C-alpha atoms as a PDB file:
ATOM      1  CA  MET A   1     -11.312   6.479 -48.545  1.00  0.00           C
ATOM      2  CA  LYS A   2      -7.635   6.623 -47.842  1.00  0.00           C
ATOM      3  CA  LEU A   3      -6.552   7.429 -44.281  1.00  0.00           C
ATOM      4  CA  ASN A   4      -3.943  10.095 -44.014  1.00  0.00           C
ATOM      5  CA  LYS A   5      -1.418  10.517 -41.231  1.00  0.00           C
ATOM      6  CA  ASN A   6      -3.692  12.826 -39.174  1.00  0.00           C
ATOM      7  CA  HIS A   7      -6.602  10.381 -39.232  1.00  0.00           C
ATOM      8  CA  PHE A   8      -4.356   7.534 -38.181  1.00  0.00           C
ATOM      9  CA  SER A   9      -2.924   9.611 -35.307  1.00  0.00           C
ATOM     10  CA  LEU A  10      -6.415  10.543 -34.167  1.00  0.00           C
ATOM     11  CA  LEU A  11      -7.592   6.909 -34.262  1.00  0.00           C
ATOM     12  CA  ALA A  12      -4.516   5.775 -32.327  1.00  0.00           C
ATOM     13  CA  PHE A  13      -5.119   8.484 -29.726  1.00  0.00           C
ATOM     14  CA  VAL A  14      -8.795   7.528 -29.297  1.00  0.00           C
ATOM     15  CA  ALA A  15      -7.837   3.854 -28.990  1.00  0.00           C
ATOM     16  CA  PHE A  16      -5.264   4.753 -26.333  1.00  0.00           C
ATOM     17  CA  LEU A  17      -7.810   6.784 -24.338  1.00  0.00           C
ATOM     18  CA  THR A  18     -10.299   3.923 -24.545  1.00  0.00           C
ATOM     19  CA  PHE A  19      -7.643   1.525 -23.235  1.00  0.00           C
ATOM     20  CA  LEU A  20      -6.852   3.870 -20.319  1.00  0.00           C
ATOM     21  CA  PHE A  21     -10.528   4.161 -19.452  1.00  0.00           C
ATOM     22  CA  PHE A  22     -11.032   0.398 -19.283  1.00  0.00           C
ATOM     23  CA  GLU A  23      -7.825  -0.100 -17.284  1.00  0.00           C
ATOM     24  CA  ALA A  24      -8.972   2.523 -14.759  1.00  0.00           C
ATOM     25  CA  GLU A  25     -12.352   0.804 -14.485  1.00  0.00           C
ATOM     26  CA  LYS A  26     -10.674  -2.583 -13.938  1.00  0.00           C
ATOM     27  CA  THR A  27      -8.374  -1.133 -11.263  1.00  0.00           C
ATOM     28  CA  SER A  28     -11.296   0.556  -9.522  1.00  0.00           C
ATOM     29  CA  LYS A  29     -13.286  -2.698  -9.510  1.00  0.00           C
ATOM     30  CA  GLN A  30     -10.265  -4.608  -8.114  1.00  0.00           C
ATOM     31  CA  GLU A  31      -9.831  -2.031  -5.335  1.00  0.00           C
ATOM     32  CA  GLN A  32     -13.527  -2.317  -4.505  1.00  0.00           C
ATOM     33  CA  LEU A  33     -13.288  -6.125  -4.249  1.00  0.00           C
ATOM     34  CA  ILE A  34     -10.186  -5.861  -2.040  1.00  0.00           C
ATOM     35  CA  ASN A  35     -11.901  -3.360   0.272  1.00  0.00           C
ATOM     36  CA  GLU A  36     -14.980  -5.594   0.508  1.00  0.00           C
ATOM     37  CA  ASP A  37     -12.750  -8.561   1.403  1.00  0.00           C
ATOM     38  CA  ILE A  38     -11.014  -6.520   4.117  1.00  0.00           C
ATOM     39  CA  ASP A  39     -14.368  -5.382   5.511  1.00  0.00           C
ATOM     40  CA  ARG A  40     -15.722  -8.983   5.624  1.00  0.00           C
ATOM     41  CA  ASN A  41     -12.550 -10.470   7.169  1.00  0.00           C
ATOM     42  CA  LEU A  42     -11.241  -7.512   9.174  1.00  0.00           C
ATOM     43  CA  PHE A  43      -8.124  -7.823  11.291  1.00  0.00           C
ATOM     44  CA  VAL A  44      -6.455  -4.696  12.685  1.00  0.00           C
ATOM     45  CA  THR A  45      -2.726  -4.615  13.374  1.00  0.00           C
ATOM     46  CA  VAL A  46       0.311  -2.332  13.176  1.00  0.00           C
ATOM     47  CA  ALA A  47       2.345  -1.357  10.115  1.00  0.00           C
ATOM     48  CA  LYS A  48       5.662   0.450   9.805  1.00  0.00           C
ATOM     49  CA  LEU A  49       6.058   3.061   7.083  1.00  0.00           C
ATOM     50  CA  LYS A  50       9.188   2.230   5.071  1.00  0.00           C
ATOM     51  CA  ASP A  51       9.297   4.809   2.318  1.00  0.00           C
ATOM     52  CA  CYS A  52       7.436   7.879   1.102  1.00  0.00           C
ATOM     53  CA  GLY A  53       7.563   8.279  -2.647  1.00  0.00           C
ATOM     54  CA  ARG A  54       6.144  10.900  -4.947  1.00  0.00           C
ATOM     55  CA  TYR A  55       2.990   8.917  -5.741  1.00  0.00           C
ATOM     56  CA  ASN A  56       2.774   6.249  -3.040  1.00  0.00           C
ATOM     57  CA  SER A  57       4.354   5.052   0.167  1.00  0.00           C
ATOM     58  CA  SER A  58       5.380   1.550   1.183  1.00  0.00           C
ATOM     59  CA  TYR A  59       4.880  -0.147   4.516  1.00  0.00           C
ATOM     60  CA  ILE A  60       5.375  -3.531   6.170  1.00  0.00           C
ATOM     61  CA  TYR A  61       3.239  -5.504   8.599  1.00  0.00           C
ATOM     62  CA  TYR A  62       3.072  -8.990  10.061  1.00  0.00           C
ATOM     63  CA  PHE A  63       0.260 -11.527  10.162  1.00  0.00           C
ATOM     64  CA  ASP A  64       0.673 -15.049  11.554  1.00  0.00           C
ATOM     65  CA  LYS A  65       4.437 -14.434  11.879  1.00  0.00           C
ATOM     66  CA  LYS A  66       4.733 -13.705   8.149  1.00  0.00           C
ATOM     67  CA  LYS A  67       5.925 -10.362   6.808  1.00  0.00           C
ATOM     68  CA  TYR A  68       3.843  -8.517   4.193  1.00  0.00           C
ATOM     69  CA  ASP A  69       4.476  -5.406   2.121  1.00  0.00           C
ATOM     70  CA  GLY A  70       1.817  -2.858   1.289  1.00  0.00           C
ATOM     71  CA  LEU A  71       1.453   0.297  -0.758  1.00  0.00           C
ATOM     72  CA  TYR A  72      -0.398   3.399   0.325  1.00  0.00           C
ATOM     73  CA  ASP A  73      -1.514   6.102  -2.081  1.00  0.00           C
ATOM     74  CA  GLY A  74       0.236   8.625   0.076  1.00  0.00           C
ATOM     75  CA  ASN A  75       1.275  11.420  -2.181  1.00  0.00           C
ATOM     76  CA  GLY A  76       2.099  14.411  -0.050  1.00  0.00           C
ATOM     77  CA  ASP A  77       3.118  12.421   3.029  1.00  0.00           C
ATOM     78  CA  SER A  78       6.257  13.818   4.537  1.00  0.00           C
ATOM     79  CA  ASP A  79       9.446  11.874   5.030  1.00  0.00           C
ATOM     80  CA  SER A  80       9.111  12.563   8.769  1.00  0.00           C
ATOM     81  CA  LYS A  81       6.608   9.668   8.940  1.00  0.00           C
ATOM     82  CA  ILE A  82       9.159   7.103   7.709  1.00  0.00           C
ATOM     83  CA  GLY A  83       9.937   4.568  10.428  1.00  0.00           C
ATOM     84  CA  LYS A  84       6.792   5.368  12.401  1.00  0.00           C
ATOM     85  CA  TYR A  85       3.988   2.920  13.121  1.00  0.00           C
ATOM     86  CA  PHE A  86       0.370   3.196  12.013  1.00  0.00           C
ATOM     87  CA  THR A  87      -2.851   1.214  12.100  1.00  0.00           C
ATOM     88  CA  VAL A  88      -3.364  -1.149   9.167  1.00  0.00           C
ATOM     89  CA  GLU A  89      -6.541  -3.050   8.363  1.00  0.00           C
ATOM     90  CA  ILE A  90      -6.037  -6.389   6.642  1.00  0.00           C
ATOM     91  CA  SER A  91      -8.090  -9.345   5.501  1.00  0.00           C
ATOM     92  CA  LYS A  92      -7.672 -12.471   7.662  1.00  0.00           C
ATOM     93  CA  LYS A  93      -8.610 -14.541   4.619  1.00  0.00           C
ATOM     94  CA  ASN A  94      -6.192 -12.767   2.242  1.00  0.00           C
ATOM     95  CA  PRO A  95      -3.618 -11.013   4.449  1.00  0.00           C
ATOM     96  CA  GLU A  96      -1.868  -9.506   1.435  1.00  0.00           C
ATOM     97  CA  PHE A  97      -4.939  -7.225   1.136  1.00  0.00           C
ATOM     98  CA  SER A  98      -4.418  -4.219   3.373  1.00  0.00           C
ATOM     99  CA  ARG A  99      -5.177  -0.544   3.811  1.00  0.00           C
ATOM    100  CA  LEU A 100      -3.055   1.789   5.898  1.00  0.00           C
ATOM    101  CA  ILE A 101      -4.758   4.265   8.216  1.00  0.00           C
ATOM    102  CA  ILE A 102      -2.112   6.999   8.139  1.00  0.00           C
ATOM    103  CA  GLU A 103      -4.149   9.215  10.490  1.00  0.00           C
ATOM    104  CA  GLU A 104      -3.729   6.678  13.320  1.00  0.00           C
ATOM    105  CA  GLU A 105      -0.118   6.691  14.479  1.00  0.00           C
ATOM    106  CA  ILE A 106       0.765   4.000  17.037  1.00  0.00           C
ATOM    107  CA  ASN A 107       3.204   4.855  19.853  1.00  0.00           C
ATOM    108  CA  ASP A 108       2.428   1.985  22.229  1.00  0.00           C
ATOM    109  CA  SER A 109       5.616  -0.146  22.251  1.00  0.00           C
ATOM    110  CA  ILE A 110       3.779  -3.196  23.610  1.00  0.00           C
ATOM    111  CA  LYS A 111       1.199  -3.036  20.821  1.00  0.00           C
ATOM    112  CA  ILE A 112       4.008  -2.616  18.265  1.00  0.00           C
ATOM    113  CA  SER A 113       5.962  -5.551  19.688  1.00  0.00           C
ATOM    114  CA  ASN A 114       2.874  -7.782  19.895  1.00  0.00           C
ATOM    115  CA  SER A 115       2.150  -7.136  16.220  1.00  0.00           C
ATOM    116  CA  GLY A 116       5.395  -8.805  15.139  1.00  0.00           C
ATOM    117  CA  PHE A 117       7.961  -6.014  15.220  1.00  0.00           C
ATOM    118  CA  ARG A 118      11.033  -6.681  17.354  1.00  0.00           C
ATOM    119  CA  LYS A 119      13.490  -4.272  18.821  1.00  0.00           C
ATOM    120  CA  LYS A 120      16.941  -4.607  17.339  1.00  0.00           C
ATOM    121  CA  LYS A 121      19.156  -7.045  19.116  1.00  0.00           C
ATOM    122  CA  LEU A 122      22.065  -5.527  21.022  1.00  0.00           C
ATOM    123  CA  ASP A 123      24.662  -7.006  18.636  1.00  0.00           C
ATOM    124  CA  GLU A 124      22.842  -5.493  15.625  1.00  0.00           C
ATOM    125  CA  ILE A 125      23.006  -2.083  17.298  1.00  0.00           C
ATOM    126  CA  LEU A 126      26.686  -2.460  18.172  1.00  0.00           C
ATOM    127  CA  ASP A 127      27.553  -3.615  14.641  1.00  0.00           C
ATOM    128  CA  ALA A 128      25.892  -0.522  13.187  1.00  0.00           C
ATOM    129  CA  LYS A 129      28.305   1.798  15.029  1.00  0.00           C
END
């Protein structure tokens, strides 16, 4: 039987949907493993929200004096949260694994400073003017 253009298009579409399904399953399994690692090796610190995009937001945090970047599935977060500090849970074993707790804003300057964030030096402030 000869395949016509419609059959080929249908087969390609079904193959594409199958690929998407397996990719979603793989991503879900990876997220589950990351969350299990964080739960087993939990360390709580402070993160600063850098950017709020349409589909996710980015943040930074420090662990053992090293800076890390994280992504938060924060669609719908307002730009008013940019530059603010929030609780982040990370894995001590794999500190690049993190999850931002956007509901827990941190305003304690000592806690923020102790987590690795520094206030701008006076000369940095004066140069910005």
